[in-house]
N, C-alpha and C. Protein backbone atom coordinates (compact mmCIF):
# COMPACT_ATOMS: atom_id res chain seq x y z
N MET A 1 26.32 110.02 -40.64
CA MET A 1 26.91 109.12 -39.63
C MET A 1 27.42 109.98 -38.51
N LEU A 2 27.18 109.22 -37.36
CA LEU A 2 27.64 109.87 -36.04
C LEU A 2 28.55 108.90 -35.43
N THR A 3 29.44 109.19 -34.59
CA THR A 3 30.19 108.37 -33.74
C THR A 3 29.97 108.76 -32.34
N VAL A 4 29.83 107.72 -31.35
CA VAL A 4 29.47 107.74 -30.11
C VAL A 4 30.35 106.80 -29.35
N ALA A 5 30.43 107.10 -27.92
CA ALA A 5 31.26 106.41 -27.11
C ALA A 5 30.48 105.89 -25.85
N PHE A 6 29.26 106.37 -25.86
CA PHE A 6 28.45 105.87 -24.64
C PHE A 6 27.18 105.37 -25.18
N ALA A 7 26.58 104.33 -24.53
CA ALA A 7 25.25 103.77 -24.84
C ALA A 7 24.11 104.83 -24.78
N GLU A 8 24.15 105.63 -23.68
CA GLU A 8 23.17 106.71 -23.50
C GLU A 8 23.20 107.55 -24.76
N THR A 9 24.29 107.98 -25.21
CA THR A 9 24.25 108.83 -26.42
C THR A 9 23.61 108.17 -27.68
N ALA A 10 23.94 106.97 -27.92
CA ALA A 10 23.35 106.25 -29.08
C ALA A 10 21.87 106.08 -28.76
N LYS A 11 21.43 105.75 -27.62
CA LYS A 11 20.08 105.67 -27.31
C LYS A 11 19.20 106.94 -27.47
N GLU A 12 19.79 108.03 -27.15
CA GLU A 12 19.20 109.34 -27.47
C GLU A 12 19.26 109.70 -28.84
N LEU A 13 20.33 109.31 -29.52
CA LEU A 13 20.25 109.55 -30.99
C LEU A 13 19.20 108.72 -31.71
N ARG A 14 18.94 107.51 -31.38
CA ARG A 14 17.93 106.75 -31.91
C ARG A 14 16.57 107.40 -31.62
N LYS A 15 16.36 107.94 -30.46
CA LYS A 15 15.19 108.54 -30.05
C LYS A 15 14.83 109.68 -30.98
N LEU A 16 15.87 110.56 -31.19
CA LEU A 16 15.87 111.71 -32.06
C LEU A 16 15.55 111.26 -33.48
N GLU A 17 16.13 110.17 -33.88
CA GLU A 17 16.08 109.69 -35.20
C GLU A 17 14.55 109.43 -35.51
N ASN A 18 13.95 108.72 -34.58
CA ASN A 18 12.58 108.30 -34.69
C ASN A 18 11.61 109.57 -34.60
N GLU A 19 11.91 110.52 -33.69
CA GLU A 19 11.05 111.66 -33.42
C GLU A 19 11.21 112.50 -34.77
N LEU A 20 12.30 112.68 -35.41
CA LEU A 20 12.39 113.69 -36.40
C LEU A 20 12.35 113.03 -37.80
N GLY A 21 12.25 111.64 -37.87
CA GLY A 21 12.25 111.05 -39.19
C GLY A 21 13.62 111.04 -39.84
N LEU A 22 14.59 111.05 -39.16
CA LEU A 22 15.92 110.93 -39.71
C LEU A 22 16.45 109.62 -40.03
N ASP A 23 17.55 109.52 -40.77
CA ASP A 23 18.18 108.17 -41.22
C ASP A 23 19.71 108.11 -40.73
N LEU A 24 19.99 107.82 -39.62
CA LEU A 24 21.27 107.90 -38.93
C LEU A 24 21.94 106.62 -38.99
N ILE A 25 23.24 106.70 -39.13
CA ILE A 25 24.14 105.48 -38.97
C ILE A 25 25.03 105.88 -37.86
N ILE A 26 24.82 105.09 -36.73
CA ILE A 26 25.63 105.40 -35.46
C ILE A 26 26.73 104.36 -35.32
N ILE A 27 27.80 104.82 -35.17
CA ILE A 27 29.07 104.01 -35.05
C ILE A 27 29.66 104.20 -33.63
N ALA A 28 29.80 103.02 -32.98
CA ALA A 28 30.35 103.17 -31.62
C ALA A 28 31.91 102.95 -31.63
N VAL A 29 32.62 103.80 -30.90
CA VAL A 29 34.02 103.76 -30.93
C VAL A 29 34.55 103.87 -29.46
N HIS A 30 35.84 103.57 -29.17
CA HIS A 30 36.28 103.88 -27.87
C HIS A 30 35.58 102.87 -26.78
N VAL A 31 35.36 101.77 -26.94
CA VAL A 31 34.62 100.99 -26.12
C VAL A 31 35.60 99.97 -25.21
N THR A 32 36.66 100.14 -25.15
CA THR A 32 37.64 99.40 -24.28
C THR A 32 37.22 99.57 -22.90
N GLY A 33 37.02 98.54 -22.03
CA GLY A 33 36.55 98.86 -20.64
C GLY A 33 35.29 98.96 -20.31
N VAL A 34 34.28 98.92 -21.23
CA VAL A 34 33.02 99.14 -21.00
C VAL A 34 32.36 98.02 -20.13
N SER A 35 31.47 98.30 -19.22
CA SER A 35 30.68 97.34 -18.54
C SER A 35 29.84 96.41 -19.43
N LYS A 36 29.46 95.36 -18.96
CA LYS A 36 28.55 94.44 -19.50
C LYS A 36 27.29 95.26 -20.00
N GLU A 37 26.67 95.90 -19.01
CA GLU A 37 25.47 96.66 -19.33
C GLU A 37 25.65 97.78 -20.35
N GLU A 38 26.83 98.49 -20.25
CA GLU A 38 27.04 99.49 -21.20
C GLU A 38 27.23 98.90 -22.63
N ALA A 39 28.06 97.76 -22.60
CA ALA A 39 28.11 97.07 -23.98
C ALA A 39 26.70 96.63 -24.48
N GLU A 40 25.90 96.20 -23.79
CA GLU A 40 24.58 95.83 -24.27
C GLU A 40 23.98 97.03 -24.79
N GLY A 41 23.96 98.15 -24.18
CA GLY A 41 23.25 99.38 -24.72
C GLY A 41 23.83 99.87 -25.85
N ILE A 42 25.19 99.70 -26.02
CA ILE A 42 25.97 100.22 -27.25
C ILE A 42 25.42 99.24 -28.38
N LEU A 43 25.37 98.01 -28.12
CA LEU A 43 25.08 96.93 -29.23
C LEU A 43 23.60 97.09 -29.69
N GLU A 44 22.75 97.44 -28.70
CA GLU A 44 21.37 97.59 -29.09
C GLU A 44 21.03 98.92 -29.89
N ASN A 45 21.86 99.99 -29.79
CA ASN A 45 21.63 101.28 -30.39
C ASN A 45 22.50 101.66 -31.50
N SER A 46 23.45 100.92 -31.83
CA SER A 46 24.46 101.15 -32.94
C SER A 46 24.40 100.36 -34.12
N ASP A 47 24.86 100.89 -35.23
CA ASP A 47 24.74 100.23 -36.46
C ASP A 47 26.07 99.50 -36.64
N ILE A 48 27.13 100.08 -36.22
CA ILE A 48 28.52 99.58 -36.30
C ILE A 48 29.15 99.84 -35.07
N VAL A 49 29.98 98.84 -34.59
CA VAL A 49 30.81 99.10 -33.36
C VAL A 49 32.32 98.55 -33.66
N ILE A 50 33.25 99.32 -33.33
CA ILE A 50 34.56 98.99 -33.43
C ILE A 50 35.01 98.52 -32.17
N SER A 51 35.40 97.22 -32.02
CA SER A 51 35.45 96.47 -30.78
C SER A 51 36.64 96.94 -29.74
N CYS A 52 37.61 97.62 -30.33
CA CYS A 52 38.66 98.00 -29.50
C CYS A 52 39.15 96.66 -28.75
N ALA A 53 39.51 96.75 -27.38
CA ALA A 53 39.92 95.65 -26.63
C ALA A 53 38.78 95.40 -25.58
N SER A 54 37.64 95.51 -26.07
CA SER A 54 36.40 95.12 -25.16
C SER A 54 35.98 93.78 -25.05
N LYS A 55 36.10 93.23 -23.94
CA LYS A 55 35.66 91.95 -23.64
C LYS A 55 34.17 91.60 -23.90
N TYR A 56 33.35 92.62 -23.38
CA TYR A 56 31.92 92.35 -23.51
C TYR A 56 31.22 92.57 -24.90
N ILE A 57 31.94 93.57 -25.65
CA ILE A 57 31.54 93.79 -26.99
C ILE A 57 31.69 92.49 -27.78
N ARG A 58 32.88 91.78 -27.61
CA ARG A 58 33.09 90.64 -28.24
C ARG A 58 32.19 89.45 -27.91
N GLU A 59 31.93 89.37 -26.62
CA GLU A 59 31.12 88.27 -26.01
C GLU A 59 29.68 88.42 -26.45
N LEU A 60 29.22 89.67 -26.61
CA LEU A 60 27.81 89.99 -26.80
C LEU A 60 27.39 90.22 -28.22
N ALA A 61 28.25 90.60 -29.04
CA ALA A 61 27.91 91.16 -30.35
C ALA A 61 27.48 89.91 -31.18
N LYS A 62 26.31 90.33 -31.99
CA LYS A 62 25.67 89.31 -32.96
C LYS A 62 25.76 90.02 -34.35
N PRO A 63 27.04 90.15 -35.02
CA PRO A 63 27.23 90.94 -36.11
C PRO A 63 26.71 90.27 -37.34
N LEU A 64 26.15 91.08 -38.24
CA LEU A 64 25.88 90.79 -39.65
C LEU A 64 27.02 90.60 -40.51
N VAL A 65 27.98 91.42 -40.13
CA VAL A 65 29.20 91.45 -41.03
C VAL A 65 30.34 91.86 -40.00
N GLN A 66 31.50 91.24 -40.16
CA GLN A 66 32.60 91.39 -39.33
C GLN A 66 33.73 91.83 -40.38
N VAL A 67 34.56 92.76 -39.96
CA VAL A 67 35.72 93.10 -40.60
C VAL A 67 36.98 92.99 -39.69
N ALA A 68 37.85 92.21 -40.04
CA ALA A 68 39.10 92.01 -39.27
C ALA A 68 38.86 91.09 -38.24
N ALA A 69 40.04 90.62 -37.61
CA ALA A 69 39.86 89.50 -36.54
C ALA A 69 40.57 90.13 -35.33
N ALA A 70 41.69 90.83 -35.41
CA ALA A 70 42.38 91.30 -34.12
C ALA A 70 41.57 92.40 -33.42
N ILE A 71 41.16 93.40 -34.02
CA ILE A 71 40.41 94.52 -33.69
C ILE A 71 39.07 94.58 -34.54
N PRO A 72 38.22 93.63 -34.32
CA PRO A 72 37.06 93.63 -35.38
C PRO A 72 36.20 94.75 -35.40
N LEU A 73 35.68 95.07 -36.41
CA LEU A 73 34.61 95.92 -36.68
C LEU A 73 33.43 95.21 -36.96
N PHE A 74 32.17 95.38 -36.14
CA PHE A 74 31.00 94.54 -36.37
C PHE A 74 29.93 95.56 -36.98
N ALA A 75 29.36 95.04 -38.13
CA ALA A 75 28.14 95.74 -38.54
C ALA A 75 26.92 95.02 -37.78
N LEU A 76 26.11 95.74 -37.19
CA LEU A 76 24.96 95.15 -36.29
C LEU A 76 23.74 95.26 -36.92
N THR A 77 23.51 96.10 -37.91
CA THR A 77 22.18 96.29 -38.46
C THR A 77 22.36 96.20 -39.95
N GLN A 78 21.18 96.17 -40.69
CA GLN A 78 21.21 96.17 -42.22
C GLN A 78 22.02 97.64 -42.74
N LYS A 79 21.66 98.53 -42.11
CA LYS A 79 22.37 99.93 -42.45
C LYS A 79 23.77 99.90 -42.48
N GLY A 80 24.14 99.23 -41.22
CA GLY A 80 25.77 98.99 -41.00
C GLY A 80 26.40 98.13 -41.99
N LYS A 81 25.53 97.01 -42.28
CA LYS A 81 26.24 95.99 -43.22
C LYS A 81 26.17 96.74 -44.60
N GLY A 82 25.19 97.34 -45.03
CA GLY A 82 25.24 98.14 -46.19
C GLY A 82 26.42 99.06 -46.39
N LEU A 83 26.65 99.79 -45.33
CA LEU A 83 27.91 100.70 -45.41
C LEU A 83 29.12 99.94 -45.59
N VAL A 84 29.24 98.85 -44.77
CA VAL A 84 30.55 98.12 -44.84
C VAL A 84 30.68 97.48 -46.24
N ILE A 85 29.69 96.96 -46.81
CA ILE A 85 29.82 96.35 -48.15
C ILE A 85 30.09 97.44 -49.25
N GLU A 86 29.47 98.61 -49.04
CA GLU A 86 29.73 99.64 -49.96
C GLU A 86 31.23 99.98 -49.88
N ARG A 87 31.68 100.19 -48.72
CA ARG A 87 33.17 100.49 -48.60
C ARG A 87 34.12 99.47 -49.11
N ALA A 88 33.75 98.20 -49.02
CA ALA A 88 34.58 97.15 -49.50
C ALA A 88 34.66 97.17 -50.96
N LYS A 89 33.85 97.81 -51.73
CA LYS A 89 33.78 97.94 -53.24
C LYS A 89 35.15 98.74 -53.53
N ASP A 90 35.64 99.63 -52.78
CA ASP A 90 36.56 100.53 -52.98
C ASP A 90 38.14 99.88 -52.68
N ILE A 91 38.08 98.72 -52.03
CA ILE A 91 39.33 98.18 -51.75
C ILE A 91 39.93 97.36 -52.81
N GLN A 92 41.13 97.60 -53.14
CA GLN A 92 41.80 97.06 -54.26
C GLN A 92 42.46 95.77 -54.17
N SER A 93 42.71 95.33 -52.99
CA SER A 93 43.31 94.06 -52.73
C SER A 93 42.21 92.98 -52.69
N PRO A 94 42.65 91.69 -52.87
CA PRO A 94 41.50 90.73 -52.78
C PRO A 94 40.93 90.66 -51.57
N ILE A 95 39.54 90.37 -51.52
CA ILE A 95 38.63 90.13 -50.42
C ILE A 95 38.02 88.79 -50.33
N LEU A 96 38.18 88.07 -49.26
CA LEU A 96 37.30 86.77 -49.13
C LEU A 96 35.88 87.20 -48.55
N ILE A 97 34.96 86.61 -49.20
CA ILE A 97 33.51 86.87 -48.71
C ILE A 97 33.09 85.47 -48.54
N ASN A 98 32.60 85.09 -47.32
CA ASN A 98 32.22 83.77 -46.98
C ASN A 98 31.01 83.89 -46.03
N THR A 99 30.32 82.87 -45.88
CA THR A 99 29.28 82.96 -44.87
C THR A 99 29.88 81.90 -43.67
N ILE A 100 29.74 82.38 -42.45
CA ILE A 100 30.18 81.70 -41.30
C ILE A 100 29.53 82.35 -40.03
N LYS A 101 29.38 81.62 -39.04
CA LYS A 101 28.87 82.15 -37.69
C LYS A 101 29.92 83.10 -37.12
N LEU A 102 29.29 84.34 -36.88
CA LEU A 102 30.00 85.42 -36.27
C LEU A 102 29.71 85.67 -34.82
N PRO A 103 30.74 86.23 -34.12
CA PRO A 103 32.01 86.82 -34.49
C PRO A 103 32.96 85.62 -34.65
N VAL A 104 34.01 85.84 -35.51
CA VAL A 104 35.22 85.05 -35.54
C VAL A 104 36.20 85.61 -34.83
N LEU A 105 36.64 85.01 -33.69
CA LEU A 105 37.72 85.69 -32.78
C LEU A 105 38.93 84.84 -32.53
N PRO A 106 39.76 84.41 -33.47
CA PRO A 106 40.91 83.53 -33.08
C PRO A 106 41.61 84.02 -32.00
N SER A 107 42.02 83.31 -30.97
CA SER A 107 42.68 83.71 -29.75
C SER A 107 44.08 84.26 -29.96
N HIS A 108 44.70 83.81 -31.00
CA HIS A 108 46.07 84.25 -31.22
C HIS A 108 46.04 85.55 -31.79
N LYS A 109 45.02 86.25 -32.32
CA LYS A 109 44.85 87.45 -32.84
C LYS A 109 44.17 88.62 -31.90
N GLN A 110 43.70 88.11 -30.77
CA GLN A 110 43.00 89.06 -29.85
C GLN A 110 44.16 89.71 -28.97
N PRO A 111 43.75 90.94 -28.47
CA PRO A 111 44.74 91.71 -27.49
C PRO A 111 44.82 90.72 -26.42
N LYS A 112 46.04 90.84 -25.75
CA LYS A 112 46.44 90.01 -24.61
C LYS A 112 45.51 89.97 -23.46
N ASN A 113 45.01 91.34 -23.12
CA ASN A 113 44.17 91.62 -22.03
C ASN A 113 42.89 92.40 -22.48
N LEU A 114 41.85 91.69 -22.74
CA LEU A 114 40.54 92.17 -23.01
C LEU A 114 40.07 92.88 -21.79
N ILE A 115 39.38 94.02 -21.82
CA ILE A 115 38.92 94.61 -20.68
C ILE A 115 37.55 95.21 -21.02
């Protein structure tokens, strides 16, 4: 697992993954304020993204799994989905599992100023 804050880093890691036959899980973090273009690159090359207060990550994400609503974590690939589901097995409190069109972003739970 690797964390990245830039689309170019995620893209380079994907390239290395393919060249070297690795199996990486790329998690994007610290994405508040990224441009639309940067958000697109992050979403194309990451397995999981923590949305922070990013307007464009929320608008463009097509998650397979979403965790939380205020600051959602989006699993974008099957690898990301698998990791999130595996982690959910360790949570002791009740969990609702439901199928629904994602992302779910109730306005009253979002940061006041998405950037």
